[in-house]
Amino acid sequence: MKQPSASVSKKRVRKWLVGKLRTELENLQAPPGSKLPSCREWSQRLGVSYSSIHRALAELQEQGLIQSRPRSGWCTPGRTDRVASSRILTPENEACGREVVLPFLCKDSADLLEQPENWSGKILSSISRTLGEQGLRLSLLNDSSTLDKHTLPTKTIRLIESMPKPPAGVLMFAQPGLEPFRAWLKDRGIPGLTIGIPDNATTTNFVSTNFREIGRIAGVAFGTCGLDHVVYLYGDFHQLPSERQCLEGFCSGFAETTGRLPNALGFGYAAGSPRKFGWGAMKDYLQRTSTPPQAVFAAGDYLAIGAIQALHEHGLRCPDQVVVVGTTGLDFAALTRPSLTTIDQPMEALGRRAAEMLLQMAAQPGLVLPGVVLPSGVSFRESFPATADLVETLREEFPDLGITNNPTPCAAPAEDESASPSHVGS
């Protein structure tokens, strides 16, 4: 029998690869302008050589399905998801009353403008698009004020007071100590809305994910699977009430399922760069204990990825020995090895709803809206594969929960020996 030539084999592999990448891109459901995984990330994910990935992406570019940006990599067509209509607000900038101000009281907003793929960046992108449709601009403000019940963000207030016209509204990411500032805005007739729930007493003018329910989902899942030694990786309970709410929900869900708390509940504090310090916090925990955990519940996908790296370096296999779950739902979670199971926050919907609510408040001065809590979903992947019984339990306990049970990625056809496939861990 005549054997196919090397060129025919290469064409077959490229045709398969182009189709596979097209399917992966469709599954990402990335909005226009979203940054896509790099050639190296695709190579590691699919087990195909870098050069083959690059050729396949170039073919998709010729078909108009993706774009290439200098020094930025691949993206979906139409760079509208970046916060391009936003800017950093300073006293020198002109303000015309068509602004929606968003002060960052404990983050660097300049960095977030360049990171549309992370949690805050995705929300900002959605806010910016929705406001832009109504002719408004999202203006970010760096303000490092430490808030409490007696302290106001002085830099933000000075800048608002210096504007020729008041802003159309103010958006805030939740953190403790916001109530005095919210009251200050109300006294001046400036609409103010919080993304997240700053405290248990707040019932109006906010949009949020239900972080306690996110924790409960993980607690029920771990309890159902008999995972009794759990590590919770977190960033900052004081500045990020969502992380405290996640832990409360986790303990509640585990207790509801088993009638008790986990036999061993450890903690890893991961301040700073999430992935780096997720790795560091996990490594520190493993050095402190003689018994490795059965499961890791991370308050963010980057923390979870860092934890998987630390577990690997410690000789622990995920998920065979330790399962890992993240709580953001970022696109790259499907491209890691092992792919990351996540409890998915509706980031695009959060930003869109926040902007829509603020527009309502701006159109009707004095309007008070009830707080809105948006549901989450779960994407089961390799780091915590779901059994049919677990999926059934979660559907019974959380009827509105969207559950995706992603299969293990299929293997690529063998390439000819001239190609050099990339392997994870190399």
Protein backbone atom coordinates (compact mmCIF):
# COMPACT_ATOMS: atom_id res chain seq x y z
CA MET A 1 0.00 0.00 0.00
CA LYS A 2 1.29 3.44 -0.90
CA GLN A 3 2.18 5.48 2.18
CA PRO A 4 1.05 9.13 2.33
CA SER A 5 3.80 11.62 1.73
CA ALA A 6 5.12 13.83 4.52
CA SER A 7 3.45 16.86 2.92
CA VAL A 8 0.06 15.12 2.94
CA SER A 9 0.57 14.18 6.61
CA LYS A 10 1.44 17.76 7.48
CA LYS A 11 -1.66 19.05 5.70
CA ARG A 12 -3.81 16.57 7.61
CA VAL A 13 -2.36 17.66 10.95
CA ARG A 14 -2.73 21.35 10.07
CA LYS A 15 -6.33 20.87 8.98
CA TRP A 16 -7.10 19.07 12.26
CA LEU A 17 -5.27 21.73 14.25
CA VAL A 18 -7.05 24.64 12.56
CA GLY A 19 -10.39 22.98 13.26
CA LYS A 20 -9.41 22.23 16.85
CA LEU A 21 -8.31 25.82 17.51
CA ARG A 22 -11.46 27.18 15.89
CA THR A 23 -13.55 25.02 18.26
CA GLU A 24 -11.47 26.07 21.29
CA LEU A 25 -11.91 29.76 20.37
CA GLU A 26 -15.67 29.32 19.99
CA ASN A 27 -15.81 27.64 23.41
CA LEU A 28 -13.98 30.59 25.00
CA GLN A 29 -16.81 32.91 23.85
CA ALA A 30 -14.37 35.81 24.16
CA PRO A 31 -15.82 39.27 23.42
CA PRO A 32 -14.35 41.39 20.61
CA GLY A 33 -10.80 42.53 21.29
CA SER A 34 -10.09 39.93 23.99
CA LYS A 35 -6.51 38.77 24.37
CA LEU A 36 -6.10 35.11 23.43
CA PRO A 37 -3.66 32.50 24.76
CA SER A 38 -0.17 32.64 23.30
CA CYS A 39 1.32 30.08 20.90
CA ARG A 40 3.23 28.57 23.79
CA GLU A 41 0.08 28.21 25.90
CA TRP A 42 -1.80 26.56 23.02
CA SER A 43 1.21 24.31 22.42
CA GLN A 44 1.25 23.14 26.03
CA ARG A 45 -2.52 22.70 26.08
CA LEU A 46 -2.79 20.65 22.89
CA GLY A 47 0.59 18.90 22.94
CA VAL A 48 1.47 20.23 19.48
CA SER A 49 4.67 21.97 18.41
CA TYR A 50 4.99 25.74 18.66
CA SER A 51 5.59 26.12 14.93
CA SER A 52 2.46 24.13 14.04
CA ILE A 53 0.36 26.24 16.40
CA HIS A 54 1.75 29.44 14.88
CA ARG A 55 0.95 28.30 11.33
CA ALA A 56 -2.58 27.32 12.33
CA LEU A 57 -3.19 30.67 14.06
CA ALA A 58 -1.86 32.47 10.99
CA GLU A 59 -4.41 30.59 8.88
CA LEU A 60 -7.20 31.62 11.27
CA GLN A 61 -5.95 35.20 10.96
CA GLU A 62 -6.22 34.98 7.18
CA GLN A 63 -9.80 33.82 7.63
CA GLY A 64 -10.49 36.93 9.73
CA LEU A 65 -11.27 34.96 12.88
CA ILE A 66 -8.43 36.40 15.00
CA GLN A 67 -5.98 39.31 14.89
CA SER A 68 -2.33 39.78 15.82
CA ARG A 69 -1.14 42.84 17.74
CA PRO A 70 2.53 43.88 17.98
CA ARG A 71 4.01 43.05 21.41
CA SER A 72 0.58 41.90 22.63
CA GLY A 73 -0.07 38.65 20.77
CA TRP A 74 -3.28 37.22 19.43
CA CYS A 75 -6.75 38.64 20.08
CA THR A 76 -10.30 38.37 18.80
CA PRO A 77 -11.20 40.90 16.05
CA GLY A 78 -12.24 44.39 17.11
CA ARG A 79 -10.32 45.67 20.08
CA THR A 80 -13.34 46.93 21.94
CA ASP A 81 -13.11 44.93 25.14
CA ARG A 82 -10.06 46.78 26.40
CA VAL A 83 -10.96 49.78 28.52
CA ALA A 84 -9.93 51.95 25.59
CA SER A 85 -12.54 54.63 26.28
CA SER A 86 -11.36 54.89 29.87
CA ARG A 87 -8.54 56.92 31.33
CA ILE A 88 -6.75 57.71 34.53
CA LEU A 89 -8.39 60.76 36.06
CA THR A 90 -6.12 63.48 37.47
CA PRO A 91 -6.71 67.12 38.46
CA GLU A 92 -5.13 68.19 35.15
CA ASN A 93 -7.62 66.22 33.02
CA GLU A 94 -10.67 67.99 31.70
CA ALA A 95 -13.91 66.76 33.27
CA CYS A 96 -17.18 67.59 31.56
CA GLY A 97 -19.89 65.91 33.64
CA ARG A 98 -20.06 62.95 31.25
CA GLU A 99 -17.73 60.97 33.49
CA VAL A 100 -18.37 57.93 35.64
CA VAL A 101 -15.60 57.89 38.23
CA LEU A 102 -14.26 54.62 39.62
CA PRO A 103 -11.69 55.12 42.40
CA PHE A 104 -9.29 52.28 43.14
CA LEU A 105 -8.67 52.53 46.84
CA CYS A 106 -6.29 49.58 47.13
CA LYS A 107 -5.31 48.68 43.54
CA ASP A 108 -3.22 50.19 40.77
CA SER A 109 -5.73 51.20 38.12
CA ALA A 110 -3.03 51.93 35.56
CA ASP A 111 -2.09 48.24 35.57
CA LEU A 112 -5.72 47.20 35.19
CA LEU A 113 -6.05 49.20 31.99
CA GLU A 114 -3.46 46.87 30.48
CA GLN A 115 -4.98 43.66 31.85
CA PRO A 116 -8.46 43.21 30.36
CA GLU A 117 -8.24 39.46 30.90
CA ASN A 118 -8.30 39.48 34.72
CA TRP A 119 -11.30 39.77 37.07
CA SER A 120 -11.27 43.53 37.49
CA GLY A 121 -10.26 44.10 33.88
CA LYS A 122 -13.17 42.08 32.51
CA ILE A 123 -15.64 43.98 34.70
CA LEU A 124 -14.13 47.33 33.72
CA SER A 125 -14.27 46.41 30.04
CA SER A 126 -17.95 45.55 30.30
CA ILE A 127 -18.70 48.76 32.23
CA SER A 128 -16.79 50.86 29.70
CA ARG A 129 -18.63 49.36 26.72
CA THR A 130 -22.05 49.82 28.31
CA LEU A 131 -21.37 53.41 29.34
CA GLY A 132 -19.85 54.21 25.95
CA GLU A 133 -23.10 53.21 24.25
CA GLN A 134 -24.72 56.10 26.17
CA GLY A 135 -21.95 58.59 25.47
CA LEU A 136 -20.35 58.33 28.90
CA ARG A 137 -16.71 57.68 29.73
CA LEU A 138 -15.33 55.59 32.58
CA SER A 139 -12.57 57.49 34.39
CA LEU A 140 -10.34 55.62 36.82
CA LEU A 141 -8.75 57.25 39.83
CA ASN A 142 -5.83 56.03 41.93
CA ASP A 143 -6.57 56.72 45.59
CA SER A 144 -4.62 54.79 48.21
CA SER A 145 -6.79 55.98 51.12
CA THR A 146 -7.31 53.49 53.93
CA LEU A 147 -11.00 53.63 54.78
CA ASP A 148 -12.86 53.04 58.01
CA LYS A 149 -16.12 54.29 59.47
CA HIS A 150 -14.53 57.69 60.21
CA THR A 151 -12.38 58.18 57.10
CA LEU A 152 -13.27 59.40 53.62
CA PRO A 153 -11.18 58.93 50.43
CA THR A 154 -9.78 62.45 50.42
CA LYS A 155 -8.11 62.34 47.00
CA THR A 156 -11.31 61.16 45.33
CA ILE A 157 -13.38 63.81 47.08
CA ARG A 158 -10.96 66.62 46.18
CA LEU A 159 -11.02 65.59 42.55
CA ILE A 160 -14.81 65.33 42.40
CA GLU A 161 -15.16 68.74 44.04
CA SER A 162 -12.73 70.25 41.55
CA MET A 163 -14.78 69.14 38.53
CA PRO A 164 -16.64 71.93 36.68
CA LYS A 165 -19.65 69.62 36.68
CA PRO A 166 -20.34 66.70 39.03
CA PRO A 167 -19.71 63.27 37.55
CA ALA A 168 -22.63 61.29 36.19
CA GLY A 169 -21.94 58.75 38.91
CA VAL A 170 -19.35 56.91 40.97
CA LEU A 171 -18.68 53.17 40.94
CA MET A 172 -16.77 51.46 43.76
CA PHE A 173 -15.38 47.98 44.30
CA ALA A 174 -16.56 46.73 47.68
CA GLN A 175 -14.33 47.03 50.71
CA PRO A 176 -14.92 47.80 54.39
CA GLY A 177 -15.42 51.44 55.33
CA LEU A 178 -17.32 52.56 52.20
CA GLU A 179 -20.52 53.65 53.96
CA PRO A 180 -19.33 57.18 54.87
CA PHE A 181 -18.29 57.76 51.26
CA ARG A 182 -21.59 56.39 49.97
CA ALA A 183 -23.39 58.80 52.34
CA TRP A 184 -21.18 61.68 51.14
CA LEU A 185 -22.17 60.98 47.52
CA LYS A 186 -25.87 60.73 48.47
CA ASP A 187 -25.79 64.11 50.27
CA ARG A 188 -24.48 65.72 47.08
CA GLY A 189 -26.91 64.03 44.76
CA ILE A 190 -24.21 61.97 43.02
CA PRO A 191 -25.31 58.41 42.16
CA GLY A 192 -23.04 55.83 43.76
CA LEU A 193 -23.05 52.09 43.19
CA THR A 194 -20.90 49.34 44.67
CA ILE A 195 -19.63 46.27 42.84
CA GLY A 196 -19.71 43.63 45.56
CA ILE A 197 -21.31 43.71 49.01
CA PRO A 198 -19.18 45.78 51.42
CA ASP A 199 -20.92 44.48 54.55
CA ASN A 200 -23.95 42.53 55.73
CA ALA A 201 -25.94 45.71 56.40
CA THR A 202 -25.84 46.93 52.79
CA THR A 203 -29.07 46.12 50.91
CA THR A 204 -29.27 48.78 48.19
CA ASN A 205 -27.28 50.22 45.29
CA PHE A 206 -24.94 47.31 44.66
CA VAL A 207 -24.44 44.46 42.22
CA SER A 208 -22.49 41.41 43.27
CA THR A 209 -21.72 37.77 42.88
CA ASN A 210 -23.03 35.65 45.75
CA PHE A 211 -19.64 34.86 47.31
CA ARG A 212 -21.17 32.89 50.16
CA GLU A 213 -22.88 30.66 47.63
CA ILE A 214 -19.57 30.21 45.79
CA GLY A 215 -18.12 28.95 49.05
CA ARG A 216 -21.16 26.74 49.71
CA ILE A 217 -20.80 25.12 46.29
CA ALA A 218 -17.21 24.15 47.10
CA GLY A 219 -18.17 23.03 50.62
CA VAL A 220 -20.97 20.78 49.37
CA ALA A 221 -18.73 19.35 46.63
CA PHE A 222 -15.82 18.59 48.97
CA GLY A 223 -18.13 17.21 51.66
CA THR A 224 -19.91 14.96 49.15
CA CYS A 225 -16.56 13.58 47.97
CA GLY A 226 -15.28 13.00 51.51
CA LEU A 227 -12.40 15.48 51.18
CA ASP A 228 -11.67 16.10 54.84
CA HIS A 229 -8.29 17.87 54.79
CA VAL A 230 -8.74 21.19 53.00
CA VAL A 231 -6.51 24.23 52.52
CA TYR A 232 -8.11 27.64 51.84
CA LEU A 233 -5.85 30.07 49.97
CA TYR A 234 -6.84 33.71 50.34
CA GLY A 235 -5.49 37.22 49.85
CA ASP A 236 -6.79 39.72 52.39
CA PHE A 237 -9.85 39.24 54.61
CA HIS A 238 -9.89 42.92 55.58
CA GLN A 239 -9.65 44.56 52.17
CA LEU A 240 -11.54 41.82 50.31
CA PRO A 241 -14.75 40.91 52.13
CA SER A 242 -15.57 38.48 49.31
CA GLU A 243 -12.79 36.16 50.51
CA ARG A 244 -14.19 36.08 54.03
CA GLN A 245 -17.68 35.46 52.62
CA CYS A 246 -16.33 32.57 50.52
CA LEU A 247 -14.85 30.92 53.60
CA GLU A 248 -18.06 31.37 55.59
CA GLY A 249 -20.03 29.81 52.76
CA PHE A 250 -17.56 26.93 52.43
CA CYS A 251 -17.83 26.01 56.10
CA SER A 252 -21.61 26.25 55.90
CA GLY A 253 -21.84 24.03 52.80
CA PHE A 254 -19.47 21.41 54.20
CA ALA A 255 -21.36 21.30 57.50
CA GLU A 256 -24.72 21.00 55.73
CA THR A 257 -23.40 17.99 53.81
CA THR A 258 -21.47 16.15 56.54
CA GLY A 259 -22.89 17.53 59.79
CA ARG A 260 -19.49 18.92 60.81
CA LEU A 261 -16.53 20.99 59.67
CA PRO A 262 -13.56 19.38 57.89
CA ASN A 263 -11.27 17.42 60.22
CA ALA A 264 -8.40 19.60 59.04
CA LEU A 265 -8.96 23.10 57.63
CA GLY A 266 -5.71 24.88 56.86
CA PHE A 267 -5.07 28.39 55.62
CA GLY A 268 -2.58 29.93 53.23
CA TYR A 269 -2.21 33.71 53.16
CA ALA A 270 -1.20 34.85 49.69
CA ALA A 271 -0.59 38.59 49.70
CA GLY A 272 0.83 40.26 46.61
CA SER A 273 1.07 38.86 43.09
CA PRO A 274 -1.67 36.18 43.03
CA ARG A 275 0.06 33.43 41.06
CA LYS A 276 3.47 33.91 42.68
CA PHE A 277 2.06 34.07 46.18
CA GLY A 278 -0.45 31.31 45.58
CA TRP A 279 2.62 29.21 44.92
CA GLY A 280 4.40 30.63 47.98
CA ALA A 281 1.43 30.20 50.33
CA MET A 282 0.93 26.59 49.24
CA LYS A 283 4.63 25.86 49.56
CA ASP A 284 4.72 27.35 53.07
CA TYR A 285 1.71 25.28 54.10
CA LEU A 286 3.25 22.04 52.80
CA GLN A 287 6.42 22.79 54.76
CA ARG A 288 4.42 23.31 57.97
CA THR A 289 2.46 20.08 57.82
CA SER A 290 3.47 16.43 57.77
CA THR A 291 0.18 15.38 56.14
CA PRO A 292 -0.59 16.80 52.69
CA PRO A 293 -4.10 18.11 52.07
CA GLN A 294 -6.70 16.32 50.01
CA ALA A 295 -8.09 19.49 48.48
CA VAL A 296 -7.25 23.16 47.88
CA PHE A 297 -9.97 25.82 47.69
CA ALA A 298 -8.45 29.03 46.30
CA ALA A 299 -10.04 32.48 46.40
CA GLY A 300 -9.08 33.11 42.77
CA ASP A 301 -7.86 31.25 39.71
CA TYR A 302 -4.34 32.69 39.82
CA LEU A 303 -3.95 31.48 43.40
CA ALA A 304 -5.11 28.03 42.31
CA ILE A 305 -2.60 27.84 39.45
CA GLY A 306 0.21 28.82 41.82
CA ALA A 307 -0.95 26.13 44.25
CA ILE A 308 -0.85 23.45 41.55
CA GLN A 309 2.73 24.43 40.73
CA ALA A 310 3.74 24.18 44.41
CA LEU A 311 2.03 20.80 44.76
CA HIS A 312 3.87 19.52 41.69
CA GLU A 313 7.22 20.69 43.07
CA HIS A 314 6.39 18.91 46.35
CA GLY A 315 5.80 15.64 44.49
CA LEU A 316 2.01 15.73 44.82
CA ARG A 317 -0.10 15.01 41.74
CA CYS A 318 -3.23 16.99 40.92
CA PRO A 319 -5.90 15.63 40.89
CA ASP A 320 -4.73 12.10 41.81
CA GLN A 321 -3.57 13.14 45.29
CA VAL A 322 -4.86 16.70 45.73
CA VAL A 323 -7.79 18.34 43.94
CA VAL A 324 -7.75 22.10 43.33
CA VAL A 325 -10.62 24.53 42.69
CA GLY A 326 -10.44 28.21 41.71
CA THR A 327 -13.20 30.78 42.17
CA THR A 328 -13.00 33.23 39.29
CA GLY A 329 -13.65 31.54 35.96
CA LEU A 330 -10.99 33.22 33.82
CA ASP A 331 -10.51 32.02 30.23
CA PHE A 332 -7.03 30.64 30.80
CA ALA A 333 -8.32 28.11 33.36
CA ALA A 334 -9.27 25.80 30.48
CA LEU A 335 -5.74 25.98 29.06
CA THR A 336 -3.63 25.02 32.08
CA ARG A 337 -2.29 21.53 32.63
CA PRO A 338 -4.13 20.08 34.40
CA SER A 339 -7.03 22.27 33.32
CA LEU A 340 -8.49 24.07 36.32
CA THR A 341 -11.92 23.42 37.79
CA THR A 342 -13.50 26.77 38.58
CA ILE A 343 -16.57 28.26 40.20
CA ASP A 344 -17.30 30.93 37.61
CA GLN A 345 -18.22 34.50 38.42
CA PRO A 346 -20.33 36.33 35.79
CA MET A 347 -17.77 39.09 35.21
CA GLU A 348 -19.20 40.46 31.97
CA ALA A 349 -22.71 40.49 33.44
CA LEU A 350 -21.49 42.18 36.63
CA GLY A 351 -19.97 45.06 34.69
CA ARG A 352 -22.95 45.43 32.37
CA ARG A 353 -25.50 45.38 35.20
CA ALA A 354 -23.46 47.85 37.27
CA ALA A 355 -23.38 50.32 34.39
CA GLU A 356 -27.09 49.85 33.64
CA MET A 357 -28.06 50.43 37.26
CA LEU A 358 -25.91 53.54 37.52
CA LEU A 359 -27.45 54.91 34.32
CA GLN A 360 -30.90 54.39 35.88
CA MET A 361 -29.82 56.25 39.01
CA ALA A 362 -28.35 59.10 36.95
CA ALA A 363 -31.59 59.47 34.98
CA GLN A 364 -33.72 59.58 38.16
CA PRO A 365 -31.98 61.61 40.89
CA GLY A 366 -32.47 60.11 44.34
CA LEU A 367 -33.38 56.67 42.97
CA VAL A 368 -32.49 53.83 45.33
CA LEU A 369 -32.26 50.40 43.76
CA PRO A 370 -32.38 47.08 45.61
CA GLY A 371 -29.10 45.21 45.52
CA VAL A 372 -28.70 42.64 42.75
CA VAL A 373 -26.92 39.31 43.27
CA LEU A 374 -26.01 37.42 40.10
CA PRO A 375 -25.70 33.61 40.00
CA SER A 376 -22.46 31.73 39.39
CA GLY A 377 -21.64 28.60 37.44
CA VAL A 378 -19.22 25.67 37.78
CA SER A 379 -16.82 24.37 35.15
CA PHE A 380 -15.49 20.96 36.13
CA ARG A 381 -12.17 20.17 34.53
CA GLU A 382 -9.13 18.01 35.23
CA SER A 383 -8.01 19.51 38.55
CA PHE A 384 -11.26 18.29 40.18
CA PRO A 385 -13.15 15.95 37.86
CA ALA A 386 -16.83 15.52 38.68
CA THR A 387 -18.61 12.21 39.10
CA ALA A 388 -22.21 11.81 37.97
CA ASP A 389 -23.28 11.57 41.63
CA LEU A 390 -21.56 14.85 42.48
CA VAL A 391 -23.18 16.68 39.55
CA GLU A 392 -26.59 15.30 40.59
CA THR A 393 -26.05 16.42 44.20
CA LEU A 394 -25.10 19.94 43.12
CA ARG A 395 -28.09 20.21 40.80
CA GLU A 396 -30.41 19.21 43.66
CA GLU A 397 -28.78 21.61 46.12
CA PHE A 398 -28.38 24.52 43.67
CA PRO A 399 -31.19 24.30 41.06
CA ASP A 400 -30.15 27.50 39.27
CA LEU A 401 -26.47 26.59 39.09
CA GLY A 402 -25.05 26.28 35.60
CA ILE A 403 -22.75 23.23 35.49
CA THR A 404 -20.31 22.44 32.71
CA ASN A 405 -18.51 19.10 32.89
CA ASN A 406 -15.67 19.51 30.40
CA PRO A 407 -14.08 16.30 29.11
CA THR A 408 -10.36 15.72 29.10
CA PRO A 409 -8.87 17.33 25.97
CA CYS A 410 -8.50 14.83 23.15
CA ALA A 411 -5.04 13.99 21.90
CA ALA A 412 -3.76 15.40 18.64
CA PRO A 413 -2.84 13.18 15.71
CA ALA A 414 0.85 12.27 15.65
CA GLU A 415 2.98 14.74 13.76
CA ASP A 416 5.87 13.79 11.54
CA GLU A 417 9.23 13.50 13.23
CA SER A 418 10.46 16.81 11.82
CA ALA A 419 8.08 18.60 14.16
CA SER A 420 8.97 18.95 17.82
CA PRO A 421 5.86 18.78 20.00
CA SER A 422 5.93 20.76 23.21
CA HIS A 423 5.37 18.83 26.44
CA VAL A 424 4.21 20.22 29.74
CA GLY A 425 6.96 20.38 32.27
CA SER A 426 9.70 20.76 29.68
